[in-house]
Amino acid sequence: MAGWDEGNVFYSDQRYTADEDNSPAVGHIAERKFAEFIRTFRSEDDAFVYRDQLLRNKNRIRVKLEHIRQFDDELGDLLVNRPAEYLALLEMASSA
């Protein structure tokens, strides 16, 4: 059996599928949208709310659910309905 895979590369890409529709119900898309939310969300006085919070304190961020829903309503619903999964994705996005 020595050398059976020599010169070949084998992999299994199970995280991404070809028929994704950019829905936040897919974990990596939700994480990307959370990261975009943290970087780009602006308050009514045009301040970057969450980006500035992380610049002041990299260990903590306080996010308002209403802001997430303003940014992407489906993302807010997923966070409410599946908090264990989506809070972890929000945490990963805020530390990236």
C-alpha atoms as a PDB file:
ATOM      1  CA  MET A   1       0.000   0.000   0.000  1.00  0.00           C
ATOM      2  CA  ALA A   2       2.977   2.268   0.192  1.00  0.00           C
ATOM      3  CA  GLY A   3       2.646   5.185  -2.188  1.00  0.00           C
ATOM      4  CA  TRP A   4      -1.058   4.657  -2.957  1.00  0.00           C
ATOM      5  CA  ASP A   5      -1.773   8.422  -2.832  1.00  0.00           C
ATOM      6  CA  GLU A   6       1.594   9.657  -4.029  1.00  0.00           C
ATOM      7  CA  GLY A   7       1.267  12.690  -6.280  1.00  0.00           C
ATOM      8  CA  ASN A   8      -2.430  13.219  -5.518  1.00  0.00           C
ATOM      9  CA  VAL A   9      -4.295  15.587  -3.245  1.00  0.00           C
ATOM     10  CA  PHE A  10      -7.479  14.428  -1.554  1.00  0.00           C
ATOM     11  CA  TYR A  11      -9.862  16.594   0.438  1.00  0.00           C
ATOM     12  CA  SER A  12     -13.446  16.814   1.519  1.00  0.00           C
ATOM     13  CA  ASP A  13     -15.062  20.250   1.473  1.00  0.00           C
ATOM     14  CA  GLN A  14     -18.254  19.673   3.445  1.00  0.00           C
ATOM     15  CA  ARG A  15     -18.678  23.152   4.885  1.00  0.00           C
ATOM     16  CA  TYR A  16     -19.496  24.892   1.632  1.00  0.00           C
ATOM     17  CA  THR A  17     -22.015  23.834  -0.953  1.00  0.00           C
ATOM     18  CA  ALA A  18     -22.503  25.023  -4.512  1.00  0.00           C
ATOM     19  CA  ASP A  19     -26.189  25.823  -4.051  1.00  0.00           C
ATOM     20  CA  GLU A  20     -25.871  28.312  -1.184  1.00  0.00           C
ATOM     21  CA  ASP A  21     -28.203  31.257  -1.529  1.00  0.00           C
ATOM     22  CA  ASN A  22     -26.260  33.652   0.741  1.00  0.00           C
ATOM     23  CA  SER A  23     -28.635  32.911   3.618  1.00  0.00           C
ATOM     24  CA  PRO A  24     -27.412  33.560   7.168  1.00  0.00           C
ATOM     25  CA  ALA A  25     -28.900  30.175   8.078  1.00  0.00           C
ATOM     26  CA  VAL A  26     -25.586  28.784   6.784  1.00  0.00           C
ATOM     27  CA  GLY A  27     -23.018  29.173   9.572  1.00  0.00           C
ATOM     28  CA  HIS A  28     -20.073  30.693   7.704  1.00  0.00           C
ATOM     29  CA  ILE A  29     -22.357  33.183   5.942  1.00  0.00           C
ATOM     30  CA  ALA A  30     -23.862  34.237   9.274  1.00  0.00           C
ATOM     31  CA  GLU A  31     -20.374  34.737  10.703  1.00  0.00           C
ATOM     32  CA  ARG A  32     -19.417  36.859   7.685  1.00  0.00           C
ATOM     33  CA  LYS A  33     -22.594  38.941   8.077  1.00  0.00           C
ATOM     34  CA  PHE A  34     -21.953  39.406  11.805  1.00  0.00           C
ATOM     35  CA  ALA A  35     -18.431  40.620  10.986  1.00  0.00           C
ATOM     36  CA  GLU A  36     -19.831  43.039   8.395  1.00  0.00           C
ATOM     37  CA  PHE A  37     -22.406  44.239  10.939  1.00  0.00           C
ATOM     38  CA  ILE A  38     -19.724  44.912  13.568  1.00  0.00           C
ATOM     39  CA  ARG A  39     -17.515  46.768  11.075  1.00  0.00           C
ATOM     40  CA  THR A  40     -20.165  48.817   9.318  1.00  0.00           C
ATOM     41  CA  PHE A  41     -23.194  49.436  11.559  1.00  0.00           C
ATOM     42  CA  ARG A  42     -23.684  53.146  12.259  1.00  0.00           C
ATOM     43  CA  SER A  43     -25.865  54.811  14.859  1.00  0.00           C
ATOM     44  CA  GLU A  44     -28.217  57.679  14.134  1.00  0.00           C
ATOM     45  CA  ASP A  45     -25.401  60.163  14.800  1.00  0.00           C
ATOM     46  CA  ASP A  46     -23.286  58.362  12.147  1.00  0.00           C
ATOM     47  CA  ALA A  47     -20.858  56.759  14.622  1.00  0.00           C
ATOM     48  CA  PHE A  48     -19.529  53.222  14.164  1.00  0.00           C
ATOM     49  CA  VAL A  49     -21.076  51.763  17.320  1.00  0.00           C
ATOM     50  CA  TYR A  50     -19.536  48.303  17.536  1.00  0.00           C
ATOM     51  CA  ARG A  51     -16.264  48.935  15.747  1.00  0.00           C
ATOM     52  CA  ASP A  52     -15.548  51.750  18.200  1.00  0.00           C
ATOM     53  CA  GLN A  53     -16.500  49.552  21.172  1.00  0.00           C
ATOM     54  CA  LEU A  54     -13.956  46.947  20.084  1.00  0.00           C
ATOM     55  CA  LEU A  55     -11.289  49.588  19.578  1.00  0.00           C
ATOM     56  CA  ARG A  56     -11.803  50.728  23.173  1.00  0.00           C
ATOM     57  CA  ASN A  57     -12.025  47.231  24.669  1.00  0.00           C
ATOM     58  CA  LYS A  58     -11.102  44.125  22.666  1.00  0.00           C
ATOM     59  CA  ASN A  59     -12.450  41.746  25.324  1.00  0.00           C
ATOM     60  CA  ARG A  60     -16.059  42.901  25.456  1.00  0.00           C
ATOM     61  CA  ILE A  61     -18.808  44.134  23.192  1.00  0.00           C
ATOM     62  CA  ARG A  62     -22.442  44.893  23.997  1.00  0.00           C
ATOM     63  CA  VAL A  63     -24.738  44.432  21.004  1.00  0.00           C
ATOM     64  CA  LYS A  64     -28.365  45.483  20.743  1.00  0.00           C
ATOM     65  CA  LEU A  65     -30.612  42.930  19.082  1.00  0.00           C
ATOM     66  CA  GLU A  66     -32.626  45.725  17.477  1.00  0.00           C
ATOM     67  CA  HIS A  67     -29.453  46.875  15.679  1.00  0.00           C
ATOM     68  CA  ILE A  68     -28.837  43.375  14.329  1.00  0.00           C
ATOM     69  CA  ARG A  69     -32.432  43.256  13.131  1.00  0.00           C
ATOM     70  CA  GLN A  70     -32.064  46.653  11.460  1.00  0.00           C
ATOM     71  CA  PHE A  71     -29.011  45.306   9.662  1.00  0.00           C
ATOM     72  CA  ASP A  72     -30.486  41.890   8.746  1.00  0.00           C
ATOM     73  CA  ASP A  73     -33.834  40.783  10.144  1.00  0.00           C
ATOM     74  CA  GLU A  74     -33.258  37.102   9.338  1.00  0.00           C
ATOM     75  CA  LEU A  75     -29.931  37.176  11.196  1.00  0.00           C
ATOM     76  CA  GLY A  76     -31.682  38.631  14.249  1.00  0.00           C
ATOM     77  CA  ASP A  77     -34.343  35.923  14.139  1.00  0.00           C
ATOM     78  CA  LEU A  78     -31.699  33.189  13.925  1.00  0.00           C
ATOM     79  CA  LEU A  79     -29.899  34.677  16.913  1.00  0.00           C
ATOM     80  CA  VAL A  80     -33.117  34.601  18.962  1.00  0.00           C
ATOM     81  CA  ASN A  81     -34.253  31.146  17.827  1.00  0.00           C
ATOM     82  CA  ARG A  82     -30.849  29.399  17.929  1.00  0.00           C
ATOM     83  CA  PRO A  83     -28.757  31.383  20.432  1.00  0.00           C
ATOM     84  CA  ALA A  84     -26.206  28.664  21.269  1.00  0.00           C
ATOM     85  CA  GLU A  85     -25.122  28.408  17.645  1.00  0.00           C
ATOM     86  CA  TYR A  86     -25.406  32.041  16.578  1.00  0.00           C
ATOM     87  CA  LEU A  87     -23.959  33.700  19.699  1.00  0.00           C
ATOM     88  CA  ALA A  88     -20.834  31.632  19.096  1.00  0.00           C
ATOM     89  CA  LEU A  89     -20.714  32.890  15.496  1.00  0.00           C
ATOM     90  CA  LEU A  90     -21.161  36.481  16.686  1.00  0.00           C
ATOM     91  CA  GLU A  91     -18.299  35.997  19.158  1.00  0.00           C
ATOM     92  CA  MET A  92     -16.039  34.583  16.448  1.00  0.00           C
ATOM     93  CA  ALA A  93     -16.898  37.459  14.135  1.00  0.00           C
ATOM     94  CA  SER A  94     -16.144  40.058  16.805  1.00  0.00           C
ATOM     95  CA  SER A  95     -12.749  38.555  17.555  1.00  0.00           C
ATOM     96  CA  ALA A  96     -11.666  38.281  13.915  1.00  0.00           C
END
